[in-house]
Amino acid sequence: MKNSVLSRRGVATALFLLILCSSESCQTRPTVVIYHTDDLSVVLRERPAGYPSLEPYNHSYAIQPDEVLNILEMIQYEAGSLIPFSGKHSRKVFTRQQGELLAPAISNALRQAVPQEVVAFSLADQDRPDRRTKGLVFVLHDELHLIIEELRKPVYQGEHNTYQQLVPRWELLPGDRQRHYASRPGGKGKIMNWIITSLR
């Protein structure tokens, strides 16, 4: 008798967990391809491991391609030089042509995203197509978050050279209405490849 009661409780618990995990909060979509060419790939996916968990994001989110383009054109980075004592210099992360390609795809992706997804992109360098810039975009509390994971990183195919030129260190520079993501209150613990832009 005791075993049958335990058995019924076990079945009831299993059914409860099955119903709970069949709800929308437990479901995950496979990666959704928004745009794909040799020069640009834009997909919707879950947040990669290693980043703070900020979900749910404010998705879907309607933002015009022109507004995304304005944000992309503001973003600059500062990089050290391979030549000793030559200092640092700043330059734009995206050229106008890259921005015009990327902005509509990001706008389209944010309109289709669900609250647990980020927009992930991979963009070929305009002058050196063998180099790629990769990043993530999402919207939280009327702010657009842009994380640059790789900046003009060479894509090596086949055998690696025994010597590869070192890539200088870099960090993103906030512009108007922009700031770095900070992991602690008071702006402490800044993540230098993560820029937040106010959309208000």
N, C-alpha and C. Protein backbone atom coordinates (compact mmCIF):
# COMPACT_ATOMS: atom_id res chain seq x y z
N MET A 1 0.83 -1.20 0.00
CA MET A 1 0.00 0.00 0.00
C MET A 1 0.87 1.26 0.00
N LYS A 2 1.88 1.24 0.87
CA LYS A 2 2.78 2.39 0.99
C LYS A 2 3.51 2.63 -0.33
N ASN A 3 3.95 1.52 -0.98
CA ASN A 3 4.67 1.65 -2.26
C ASN A 3 3.79 2.24 -3.34
N SER A 4 2.49 1.86 -3.35
CA SER A 4 1.61 2.38 -4.39
C SER A 4 1.36 3.88 -4.20
N VAL A 5 1.30 4.34 -2.94
CA VAL A 5 1.14 5.78 -2.66
C VAL A 5 2.37 6.54 -3.15
N LEU A 6 3.55 5.98 -2.84
CA LEU A 6 4.80 6.61 -3.28
C LEU A 6 4.89 6.63 -4.79
N SER A 7 4.44 5.53 -5.40
CA SER A 7 4.47 5.44 -6.85
C SER A 7 3.55 6.48 -7.49
N ARG A 8 2.35 6.67 -6.90
CA ARG A 8 1.41 7.68 -7.43
C ARG A 8 1.99 9.08 -7.26
N ARG A 9 2.64 9.33 -6.13
CA ARG A 9 3.27 10.64 -5.90
C ARG A 9 4.38 10.88 -6.91
N GLY A 10 5.15 9.84 -7.21
CA GLY A 10 6.24 9.96 -8.20
C GLY A 10 5.70 10.30 -9.58
N VAL A 11 4.60 9.64 -9.97
CA VAL A 11 3.97 9.91 -11.26
C VAL A 11 3.44 11.33 -11.30
N ALA A 12 2.80 11.76 -10.20
CA ALA A 12 2.24 13.12 -10.14
C ALA A 12 3.35 14.16 -10.24
N THR A 13 4.47 13.91 -9.55
CA THR A 13 5.60 14.84 -9.61
C THR A 13 6.17 14.90 -11.02
N ALA A 14 6.31 13.76 -11.67
CA ALA A 14 6.84 13.73 -13.04
C ALA A 14 5.92 14.48 -14.00
N LEU A 15 4.60 14.29 -13.84
CA LEU A 15 3.63 15.00 -14.69
C LEU A 15 3.71 16.51 -14.46
N PHE A 16 3.85 16.92 -13.20
CA PHE A 16 3.96 18.34 -12.87
C PHE A 16 5.19 18.94 -13.54
N LEU A 17 6.33 18.26 -13.45
CA LEU A 17 7.57 18.76 -14.06
C LEU A 17 7.44 18.81 -15.58
N LEU A 18 6.77 17.82 -16.17
CA LEU A 18 6.57 17.81 -17.62
C LEU A 18 5.73 18.99 -18.06
N ILE A 19 4.65 19.28 -17.33
CA ILE A 19 3.79 20.42 -17.66
C ILE A 19 4.56 21.73 -17.47
N LEU A 20 5.32 21.82 -16.37
CA LEU A 20 6.09 23.03 -16.10
C LEU A 20 7.11 23.30 -17.19
N CYS A 21 7.82 22.28 -17.64
CA CYS A 21 8.86 22.47 -18.64
C CYS A 21 8.33 22.54 -20.05
N SER A 22 7.05 22.25 -20.23
CA SER A 22 6.48 22.44 -21.56
C SER A 22 5.94 23.85 -21.72
N SER A 23 5.99 24.63 -20.63
CA SER A 23 5.56 26.03 -20.71
C SER A 23 6.59 26.81 -21.51
N GLU A 24 6.24 28.03 -21.90
CA GLU A 24 7.11 28.85 -22.77
C GLU A 24 8.44 29.17 -22.11
N SER A 25 8.46 29.27 -20.75
CA SER A 25 9.69 29.65 -20.07
C SER A 25 10.77 28.58 -20.20
N CYS A 26 10.38 27.31 -20.41
CA CYS A 26 11.37 26.24 -20.53
C CYS A 26 11.72 25.93 -21.98
N GLN A 27 10.96 26.45 -22.91
CA GLN A 27 11.22 26.15 -24.30
C GLN A 27 12.31 27.06 -24.86
N THR A 28 13.15 26.51 -25.68
CA THR A 28 14.17 27.31 -26.36
C THR A 28 14.05 27.03 -27.84
N ARG A 29 14.14 28.11 -28.61
CA ARG A 29 14.09 27.95 -30.06
C ARG A 29 15.47 27.58 -30.56
N PRO A 30 15.53 26.87 -31.64
CA PRO A 30 16.85 26.69 -32.26
C PRO A 30 17.32 28.03 -32.80
N THR A 31 18.59 28.12 -33.15
CA THR A 31 19.13 29.35 -33.72
C THR A 31 18.33 29.74 -34.95
N VAL A 32 17.90 31.01 -35.02
CA VAL A 32 17.10 31.50 -36.13
C VAL A 32 17.99 32.39 -37.01
N VAL A 33 18.14 32.01 -38.27
CA VAL A 33 18.97 32.79 -39.20
C VAL A 33 18.13 33.94 -39.74
N ILE A 34 18.61 35.17 -39.56
CA ILE A 34 17.93 36.37 -40.05
C ILE A 34 18.51 36.80 -41.39
N TYR A 35 19.83 36.70 -41.51
CA TYR A 35 20.51 37.16 -42.72
C TYR A 35 21.82 36.39 -42.84
N HIS A 36 22.13 35.94 -44.07
CA HIS A 36 23.39 35.21 -44.23
C HIS A 36 23.94 35.39 -45.65
N THR A 37 25.13 35.99 -45.73
CA THR A 37 25.90 36.06 -46.97
C THR A 37 27.36 35.81 -46.59
N ASP A 38 28.25 35.89 -47.58
CA ASP A 38 29.67 35.73 -47.28
C ASP A 38 30.19 36.85 -46.40
N ASP A 39 29.57 38.04 -46.51
CA ASP A 39 30.05 39.21 -45.77
C ASP A 39 29.41 39.38 -44.40
N LEU A 40 28.18 38.90 -44.24
CA LEU A 40 27.45 39.15 -43.00
C LEU A 40 26.56 37.98 -42.62
N SER A 41 26.61 37.64 -41.34
CA SER A 41 25.71 36.64 -40.78
C SER A 41 25.05 37.24 -39.54
N VAL A 42 23.72 37.18 -39.48
CA VAL A 42 22.96 37.67 -38.32
C VAL A 42 21.98 36.59 -37.92
N VAL A 43 22.04 36.17 -36.64
CA VAL A 43 21.16 35.11 -36.14
C VAL A 43 20.60 35.50 -34.77
N LEU A 44 19.50 34.86 -34.40
CA LEU A 44 18.95 34.95 -33.05
C LEU A 44 19.35 33.69 -32.31
N ARG A 45 19.85 33.86 -31.10
CA ARG A 45 20.28 32.70 -30.30
C ARG A 45 20.19 33.05 -28.82
N GLU A 46 20.37 32.04 -27.99
CA GLU A 46 20.42 32.28 -26.55
C GLU A 46 21.72 33.00 -26.21
N ARG A 47 21.71 33.71 -25.07
CA ARG A 47 22.92 34.39 -24.61
C ARG A 47 24.03 33.37 -24.39
N PRO A 48 25.23 33.63 -24.93
CA PRO A 48 26.34 32.70 -24.69
C PRO A 48 26.73 32.68 -23.21
N ALA A 49 27.31 31.59 -22.78
CA ALA A 49 27.78 31.48 -21.40
C ALA A 49 28.89 32.50 -21.16
N GLY A 50 29.03 32.91 -19.92
CA GLY A 50 30.12 33.80 -19.56
C GLY A 50 29.71 35.26 -19.42
N TYR A 51 28.48 35.60 -19.82
CA TYR A 51 27.98 36.96 -19.67
C TYR A 51 26.97 37.02 -18.53
N PRO A 52 26.83 38.19 -17.88
CA PRO A 52 25.82 38.29 -16.82
C PRO A 52 24.43 37.95 -17.34
N SER A 53 23.63 37.30 -16.53
CA SER A 53 22.28 36.92 -16.91
C SER A 53 21.35 38.11 -16.66
N LEU A 54 20.94 38.77 -17.73
CA LEU A 54 20.08 39.96 -17.63
C LEU A 54 18.68 39.71 -18.18
N GLU A 55 18.40 38.49 -18.65
CA GLU A 55 17.11 38.18 -19.22
C GLU A 55 16.00 38.32 -18.17
N PRO A 56 14.75 38.55 -18.62
CA PRO A 56 14.31 38.64 -20.01
C PRO A 56 14.61 40.02 -20.60
N TYR A 57 15.00 40.03 -21.88
CA TYR A 57 15.24 41.27 -22.59
C TYR A 57 13.90 41.84 -23.06
N ASN A 58 13.91 43.11 -23.45
CA ASN A 58 12.68 43.75 -23.94
C ASN A 58 12.49 43.46 -25.42
N HIS A 59 12.33 42.18 -25.73
CA HIS A 59 12.12 41.75 -27.12
C HIS A 59 10.73 41.12 -27.22
N SER A 60 10.09 41.28 -28.34
CA SER A 60 10.58 41.92 -29.55
C SER A 60 10.61 43.45 -29.35
N TYR A 61 11.46 44.13 -30.15
CA TYR A 61 11.63 45.57 -30.00
C TYR A 61 11.69 46.21 -31.38
N ALA A 62 10.88 47.24 -31.56
CA ALA A 62 10.84 47.94 -32.85
C ALA A 62 11.81 49.11 -32.83
N ILE A 63 12.82 49.05 -33.67
CA ILE A 63 13.78 50.14 -33.82
C ILE A 63 14.08 50.26 -35.31
N GLN A 64 14.08 51.47 -35.81
CA GLN A 64 14.26 51.71 -37.24
C GLN A 64 15.72 51.48 -37.64
N PRO A 65 15.96 50.98 -38.86
CA PRO A 65 17.34 50.79 -39.33
C PRO A 65 18.18 52.06 -39.27
N ASP A 66 17.58 53.23 -39.55
CA ASP A 66 18.34 54.49 -39.48
C ASP A 66 18.85 54.77 -38.07
N GLU A 67 18.02 54.43 -37.08
CA GLU A 67 18.44 54.65 -35.68
C GLU A 67 19.57 53.70 -35.31
N VAL A 68 19.47 52.46 -35.76
CA VAL A 68 20.57 51.50 -35.52
C VAL A 68 21.85 51.99 -36.21
N LEU A 69 21.71 52.47 -37.44
CA LEU A 69 22.88 52.97 -38.18
C LEU A 69 23.54 54.13 -37.45
N ASN A 70 22.76 55.05 -36.92
CA ASN A 70 23.32 56.18 -36.16
C ASN A 70 24.13 55.70 -34.96
N ILE A 71 23.60 54.68 -34.27
CA ILE A 71 24.32 54.12 -33.11
C ILE A 71 25.62 53.46 -33.55
N LEU A 72 25.55 52.65 -34.61
CA LEU A 72 26.76 51.95 -35.09
C LEU A 72 27.84 52.94 -35.51
N GLU A 73 27.43 54.05 -36.14
CA GLU A 73 28.41 55.03 -36.62
C GLU A 73 29.08 55.80 -35.48
N MET A 74 28.43 55.85 -34.31
CA MET A 74 29.01 56.56 -33.16
C MET A 74 30.12 55.76 -32.48
N ILE A 75 30.06 54.44 -32.62
CA ILE A 75 30.93 53.58 -31.81
C ILE A 75 32.36 53.58 -32.36
N GLN A 76 33.28 53.94 -31.48
CA GLN A 76 34.70 53.95 -31.82
C GLN A 76 35.46 53.06 -30.85
N TYR A 77 36.67 52.73 -31.24
CA TYR A 77 37.53 51.98 -30.33
C TYR A 77 38.91 52.60 -30.32
N GLU A 78 39.63 52.31 -29.27
CA GLU A 78 41.00 52.79 -29.12
C GLU A 78 41.89 51.56 -29.05
N ALA A 79 42.93 51.58 -29.85
CA ALA A 79 43.83 50.41 -29.90
C ALA A 79 45.26 50.86 -29.70
N GLY A 80 46.01 49.99 -29.04
CA GLY A 80 47.44 50.23 -28.91
C GLY A 80 48.12 49.91 -30.23
N SER A 81 49.34 50.36 -30.38
CA SER A 81 50.10 50.12 -31.60
C SER A 81 51.14 49.05 -31.37
N LEU A 82 51.49 48.36 -32.46
CA LEU A 82 52.56 47.36 -32.38
C LEU A 82 53.93 48.03 -32.33
N ILE A 83 53.99 49.31 -32.69
CA ILE A 83 55.26 50.06 -32.67
C ILE A 83 55.43 50.67 -31.29
N PRO A 84 56.55 50.39 -30.61
CA PRO A 84 56.74 50.91 -29.25
C PRO A 84 56.68 52.44 -29.21
N PHE A 85 56.08 52.97 -28.13
CA PHE A 85 56.00 54.41 -27.83
C PHE A 85 55.19 55.22 -28.85
N SER A 86 54.43 54.57 -29.70
CA SER A 86 53.65 55.32 -30.68
C SER A 86 52.27 55.70 -30.14
N GLY A 87 51.92 55.24 -28.94
CA GLY A 87 50.66 55.63 -28.31
C GLY A 87 49.47 54.89 -28.88
N LYS A 88 48.28 55.39 -28.52
CA LYS A 88 47.04 54.77 -28.96
C LYS A 88 46.35 55.69 -29.96
N HIS A 89 45.48 55.11 -30.77
CA HIS A 89 44.69 55.91 -31.72
C HIS A 89 43.27 55.38 -31.74
N SER A 90 42.32 56.24 -32.06
CA SER A 90 40.92 55.81 -32.10
C SER A 90 40.43 55.79 -33.53
N ARG A 91 39.49 54.90 -33.78
CA ARG A 91 38.86 54.81 -35.09
C ARG A 91 37.49 54.17 -34.95
N LYS A 92 36.67 54.30 -35.99
CA LYS A 92 35.32 53.75 -35.94
C LYS A 92 35.36 52.23 -36.03
N VAL A 93 34.45 51.59 -35.29
CA VAL A 93 34.33 50.14 -35.35
C VAL A 93 33.77 49.72 -36.70
N PHE A 94 32.75 50.46 -37.19
CA PHE A 94 32.08 50.11 -38.44
C PHE A 94 32.23 51.24 -39.46
N THR A 95 32.55 50.89 -40.69
CA THR A 95 32.51 51.87 -41.77
C THR A 95 31.05 52.16 -42.12
N ARG A 96 30.83 53.21 -42.90
CA ARG A 96 29.46 53.54 -43.32
C ARG A 96 28.85 52.36 -44.10
N GLN A 97 29.64 51.78 -44.98
CA GLN A 97 29.14 50.66 -45.79
C GLN A 97 28.78 49.46 -44.91
N GLN A 98 29.61 49.16 -43.92
CA GLN A 98 29.31 48.06 -43.00
C GLN A 98 28.05 48.36 -42.20
N GLY A 99 27.92 49.61 -41.73
CA GLY A 99 26.75 50.01 -40.97
C GLY A 99 25.47 49.88 -41.78
N GLU A 100 25.54 50.29 -43.05
CA GLU A 100 24.35 50.20 -43.92
C GLU A 100 23.96 48.76 -44.21
N LEU A 101 24.90 47.85 -44.14
CA LEU A 101 24.61 46.43 -44.32
C LEU A 101 24.07 45.81 -43.02
N LEU A 102 24.68 46.19 -41.90
CA LEU A 102 24.36 45.57 -40.62
C LEU A 102 23.08 46.13 -39.98
N ALA A 103 22.84 47.44 -40.09
CA ALA A 103 21.72 48.08 -39.38
C ALA A 103 20.36 47.48 -39.72
N PRO A 104 19.99 47.29 -41.00
CA PRO A 104 18.67 46.70 -41.29
C PRO A 104 18.52 45.28 -40.76
N ALA A 105 19.61 44.52 -40.79
CA ALA A 105 19.56 43.13 -40.29
C ALA A 105 19.34 43.12 -38.77
N ILE A 106 20.01 44.02 -38.04
CA ILE A 106 19.80 44.10 -36.59
C ILE A 106 18.38 44.54 -36.28
N SER A 107 17.89 45.56 -37.00
CA SER A 107 16.52 46.05 -36.82
C SER A 107 15.51 44.92 -37.03
N ASN A 108 15.68 44.16 -38.09
CA ASN A 108 14.80 43.03 -38.41
C ASN A 108 14.89 41.96 -37.33
N ALA A 109 16.09 41.66 -36.87
CA ALA A 109 16.28 40.62 -35.85
C ALA A 109 15.63 41.01 -34.53
N LEU A 110 15.77 42.28 -34.11
CA LEU A 110 15.18 42.71 -32.84
C LEU A 110 13.66 42.64 -32.88
N ARG A 111 13.06 42.84 -34.05
CA ARG A 111 11.60 42.73 -34.19
C ARG A 111 11.14 41.28 -34.04
N GLN A 112 12.01 40.32 -34.35
CA GLN A 112 11.64 38.90 -34.29
C GLN A 112 12.09 38.19 -33.02
N ALA A 113 12.97 38.84 -32.26
CA ALA A 113 13.56 38.19 -31.08
C ALA A 113 12.53 37.97 -29.99
N VAL A 114 12.74 36.92 -29.20
CA VAL A 114 11.94 36.67 -28.00
C VAL A 114 12.78 37.09 -26.79
N PRO A 115 12.17 37.21 -25.60
CA PRO A 115 12.89 37.78 -24.45
C PRO A 115 14.14 37.03 -24.01
N GLN A 116 14.32 35.78 -24.42
CA GLN A 116 15.51 35.02 -24.01
C GLN A 116 16.61 35.02 -25.07
N GLU A 117 16.44 35.76 -26.16
CA GLU A 117 17.40 35.70 -27.27
C GLU A 117 18.18 37.00 -27.42
N VAL A 118 19.40 36.85 -27.94
CA VAL A 118 20.21 37.99 -28.35
C VAL A 118 20.42 37.90 -29.86
N VAL A 119 20.79 39.02 -30.45
CA VAL A 119 21.16 39.06 -31.87
C VAL A 119 22.66 38.86 -31.94
N ALA A 120 23.11 37.86 -32.67
CA ALA A 120 24.54 37.61 -32.85
C ALA A 120 24.91 37.88 -34.31
N PHE A 121 26.03 38.59 -34.51
CA PHE A 121 26.42 38.90 -35.89
C PHE A 121 27.91 38.63 -36.11
N SER A 122 28.23 38.38 -37.37
CA SER A 122 29.62 38.22 -37.81
C SER A 122 29.75 38.99 -39.12
N LEU A 123 30.66 39.97 -39.16
CA LEU A 123 30.76 40.90 -40.28
C LEU A 123 32.18 40.92 -40.82
N ALA A 124 32.32 40.73 -42.14
CA ALA A 124 33.64 40.75 -42.77
C ALA A 124 34.16 42.18 -42.84
N ASP A 125 35.47 42.32 -42.69
CA ASP A 125 36.12 43.63 -42.83
C ASP A 125 36.02 44.07 -44.29
N GLN A 126 35.80 45.36 -44.50
CA GLN A 126 35.60 45.87 -45.85
C GLN A 126 36.85 45.73 -46.72
N ASP A 127 38.01 46.05 -46.17
CA ASP A 127 39.26 46.00 -46.94
C ASP A 127 39.92 44.63 -46.88
N ARG A 128 39.71 43.91 -45.78
CA ARG A 128 40.34 42.59 -45.61
C ARG A 128 39.25 41.58 -45.25
N PRO A 129 38.59 40.98 -46.26
CA PRO A 129 37.48 40.05 -45.98
C PRO A 129 37.86 38.84 -45.15
N ASP A 130 39.16 38.57 -45.00
CA ASP A 130 39.59 37.45 -44.17
C ASP A 130 39.56 37.81 -42.68
N ARG A 131 39.19 39.05 -42.36
CA ARG A 131 39.07 39.48 -40.97
C ARG A 131 37.61 39.71 -40.63
N ARG A 132 37.22 39.35 -39.42
CA ARG A 132 35.81 39.42 -39.02
C ARG A 132 35.65 40.17 -37.70
N THR A 133 34.53 40.89 -37.61
CA THR A 133 34.10 41.50 -36.36
C THR A 133 32.84 40.76 -35.92
N LYS A 134 32.85 40.27 -34.68
CA LYS A 134 31.72 39.50 -34.17
C LYS A 134 31.18 40.16 -32.91
N GLY A 135 29.85 40.10 -32.76
CA GLY A 135 29.27 40.72 -31.59
C GLY A 135 27.85 40.28 -31.29
N LEU A 136 27.31 40.85 -30.22
CA LEU A 136 25.96 40.56 -29.74
C LEU A 136 25.22 41.86 -29.53
N VAL A 137 23.91 41.85 -29.76
CA VAL A 137 23.06 43.02 -29.55
C VAL A 137 21.78 42.57 -28.87
N PHE A 138 21.31 43.37 -27.90
CA PHE A 138 19.99 43.14 -27.31
C PHE A 138 19.50 44.45 -26.71
N VAL A 139 18.20 44.51 -26.40
CA VAL A 139 17.60 45.71 -25.81
C VAL A 139 17.09 45.37 -24.42
N LEU A 140 17.44 46.23 -23.46
CA LEU A 140 16.99 46.06 -22.08
C LEU A 140 16.66 47.45 -21.52
N HIS A 141 15.44 47.63 -21.04
CA HIS A 141 15.01 48.90 -20.43
C HIS A 141 15.26 50.10 -21.35
N ASP A 142 14.82 50.02 -22.59
CA ASP A 142 14.99 51.11 -23.57
C ASP A 142 16.45 51.52 -23.76
N GLU A 143 17.33 50.54 -23.66
CA GLU A 143 18.75 50.76 -23.95
C GLU A 143 19.24 49.64 -24.85
N LEU A 144 20.00 50.01 -25.86
CA LEU A 144 20.56 49.02 -26.77
C LEU A 144 21.96 48.64 -26.27
N HIS A 145 22.17 47.34 -26.05
CA HIS A 145 23.46 46.82 -25.59
C HIS A 145 24.19 46.23 -26.80
N LEU A 146 25.44 46.62 -26.97
CA LEU A 146 26.28 46.09 -28.05
C LEU A 146 27.57 45.57 -27.43
N ILE A 147 27.83 44.30 -27.64
CA ILE A 147 29.06 43.66 -27.16
C ILE A 147 29.88 43.27 -28.39
N ILE A 148 31.11 43.75 -28.47
CA ILE A 148 32.01 43.33 -29.55
C ILE A 148 32.90 42.22 -28.98
N GLU A 149 32.70 41.01 -29.48
CA GLU A 149 33.48 39.86 -28.98
C GLU A 149 34.82 39.74 -29.69
N GLU A 150 34.83 40.00 -30.99
CA GLU A 150 36.07 39.97 -31.78
C GLU A 150 36.07 41.17 -32.70
N LEU A 151 37.22 41.84 -32.81
CA LEU A 151 37.32 43.03 -33.65
C LEU A 151 38.36 42.80 -34.74
N ARG A 152 37.89 42.74 -35.98
CA ARG A 152 38.76 42.54 -37.14
C ARG A 152 39.76 41.40 -36.90
N LYS A 153 39.24 40.31 -36.39
CA LYS A 153 40.09 39.15 -36.08
C LYS A 153 40.30 38.32 -37.33
N PRO A 154 41.55 37.96 -37.64
CA PRO A 154 41.81 37.15 -38.83
C PRO A 154 41.13 35.79 -38.75
N VAL A 155 40.60 35.35 -39.88
CA VAL A 155 40.02 34.01 -39.99
C VAL A 155 41.03 33.16 -40.73
N TYR A 156 41.71 32.27 -40.02
CA TYR A 156 42.74 31.44 -40.63
C TYR A 156 42.13 30.13 -41.08
N GLN A 157 42.45 29.74 -42.29
CA GLN A 157 41.99 28.46 -42.81
C GLN A 157 43.21 27.63 -43.19
N GLY A 158 43.06 26.32 -43.07
CA GLY A 158 44.19 25.45 -43.38
C GLY A 158 45.22 25.50 -42.26
N GLU A 159 46.48 25.31 -42.61
CA GLU A 159 47.54 25.27 -41.61
C GLU A 159 47.85 26.67 -41.10
N HIS A 160 48.12 26.75 -39.80
CA HIS A 160 48.47 28.03 -39.19
C HIS A 160 49.94 28.33 -39.45
N ASN A 161 50.23 29.61 -39.63
CA ASN A 161 51.63 30.01 -39.75
C ASN A 161 52.30 29.83 -38.39
N THR A 162 53.59 29.56 -38.41
CA THR A 162 54.31 29.40 -37.15
C THR A 162 54.41 30.75 -36.44
N TYR A 163 54.40 31.85 -37.21
CA TYR A 163 54.41 33.18 -36.61
C TYR A 163 53.18 33.95 -37.08
N GLN A 164 52.41 34.46 -36.14
CA GLN A 164 51.25 35.28 -36.48
C GLN A 164 51.41 36.63 -35.79
N GLN A 165 51.13 37.69 -36.53
CA GLN A 165 51.28 39.02 -35.98
C GLN A 165 50.33 39.21 -34.80
N LEU A 166 50.83 39.82 -33.74
CA LEU A 166 50.00 40.06 -32.57
C LEU A 166 48.98 41.16 -32.87
N VAL A 167 47.76 40.98 -32.38
CA VAL A 167 46.72 42.00 -32.55
C VAL A 167 46.80 42.93 -31.35
N PRO A 168 46.92 44.25 -31.57
CA PRO A 168 47.02 45.17 -30.43
C PRO A 168 45.75 45.14 -29.59
N ARG A 169 45.90 45.42 -28.30
CA ARG A 169 44.74 45.47 -27.41
C ARG A 169 43.87 46.65 -27.80
N TRP A 170 42.57 46.53 -27.55
CA TRP A 170 41.63 47.59 -27.91
C TRP A 170 40.53 47.67 -26.87
N GLU A 171 39.84 48.83 -26.85
CA GLU A 171 38.66 49.00 -26.01
C GLU A 171 37.70 49.97 -26.69
N LEU A 172 36.41 49.76 -26.47
CA LEU A 172 35.40 50.63 -27.07
C LEU A 172 35.35 51.95 -26.32
N LEU A 173 35.07 53.02 -27.07
CA LEU A 173 34.98 54.37 -26.49
C LEU A 173 33.52 54.83 -26.54
N PRO A 174 32.89 55.10 -25.40
CA PRO A 174 31.50 55.56 -25.42
C PRO A 174 31.38 56.95 -26.05
N GLY A 175 30.30 57.16 -26.83
CA GLY A 175 30.00 58.46 -27.40
C GLY A 175 28.83 59.08 -26.65
N ASP A 176 28.11 60.02 -27.31
CA ASP A 176 26.94 60.65 -26.70
C ASP A 176 25.88 59.60 -26.39
N ARG A 177 25.23 59.73 -25.23
CA ARG A 177 24.18 58.82 -24.77
C ARG A 177 24.69 57.38 -24.61
N GLN A 178 25.99 57.21 -24.47
CA GLN A 178 26.55 55.86 -24.36
C GLN A 178 27.39 55.73 -23.09
N ARG A 179 27.51 54.50 -22.61
CA ARG A 179 28.37 54.20 -21.47
C ARG A 179 28.80 52.74 -21.57
N HIS A 180 29.83 52.38 -20.82
CA HIS A 180 30.23 50.99 -20.71
C HIS A 180 29.29 50.27 -19.74
N TYR A 181 29.12 48.98 -19.95
CA TYR A 181 28.42 48.16 -18.96
C TYR A 181 29.31 48.06 -17.73
N ALA A 182 28.72 48.21 -16.56
CA ALA A 182 29.47 48.08 -15.30
C ALA A 182 28.84 46.97 -14.48
N SER A 183 29.67 46.07 -13.98
CA SER A 183 29.17 44.91 -13.24
C SER A 183 28.86 45.24 -11.78
N ARG A 184 29.28 46.44 -11.32
CA ARG A 184 29.02 46.82 -9.93
C ARG A 184 28.45 48.23 -9.88
N PRO A 185 27.73 48.57 -8.82
CA PRO A 185 27.13 49.90 -8.71
C PRO A 185 28.20 51.00 -8.75
N GLY A 186 27.78 52.17 -9.18
CA GLY A 186 28.70 53.31 -9.22
C GLY A 186 29.65 53.27 -10.41
N GLY A 187 29.32 52.48 -11.43
CA GLY A 187 30.18 52.45 -12.62
C GLY A 187 31.45 51.65 -12.44
N LYS A 188 31.53 50.84 -11.40
CA LYS A 188 32.75 50.04 -11.18
C LYS A 188 32.63 48.70 -11.91
N GLY A 189 33.76 48.13 -12.25
CA GLY A 189 33.77 46.85 -12.95
C GLY A 189 33.34 46.99 -14.40
N LYS A 190 33.83 48.04 -15.07
CA LYS A 190 33.46 48.28 -16.46
C LYS A 190 33.98 47.17 -17.36
N ILE A 191 33.12 46.78 -18.33
CA ILE A 191 33.52 45.82 -19.36
C ILE A 191 33.74 46.63 -20.63
N MET A 192 34.98 46.71 -21.08
CA MET A 192 35.39 47.69 -22.08
C MET A 192 34.95 47.36 -23.50
N ASN A 193 34.45 46.14 -23.74
CA ASN A 193 33.97 45.81 -25.08
C ASN A 193 32.43 45.77 -25.12
N TRP A 194 31.79 46.39 -24.13
CA TRP A 194 30.33 46.36 -23.99
C TRP A 194 29.84 47.79 -23.86
N ILE A 195 29.10 48.27 -24.87
CA ILE A 195 28.58 49.65 -24.90
C ILE A 195 27.06 49.64 -24.80
N ILE A 196 26.53 50.53 -23.98
CA ILE A 196 25.08 50.68 -23.82
C ILE A 196 24.69 52.05 -24.33
N THR A 197 23.66 52.09 -25.20
CA THR A 197 23.17 53.35 -25.77
C THR A 197 21.72 53.56 -25.38
N SER A 198 21.40 54.72 -24.82
CA SER A 198 20.02 55.03 -24.46
C SER A 198 19.21 55.23 -25.74
N LEU A 199 18.01 54.64 -25.78
CA LEU A 199 17.12 54.78 -26.94
C LEU A 199 16.02 55.82 -26.69
N ARG A 200 16.03 56.46 -25.53
CA ARG A 200 15.00 57.46 -25.22
C ARG A 200 15.39 58.83 -25.72
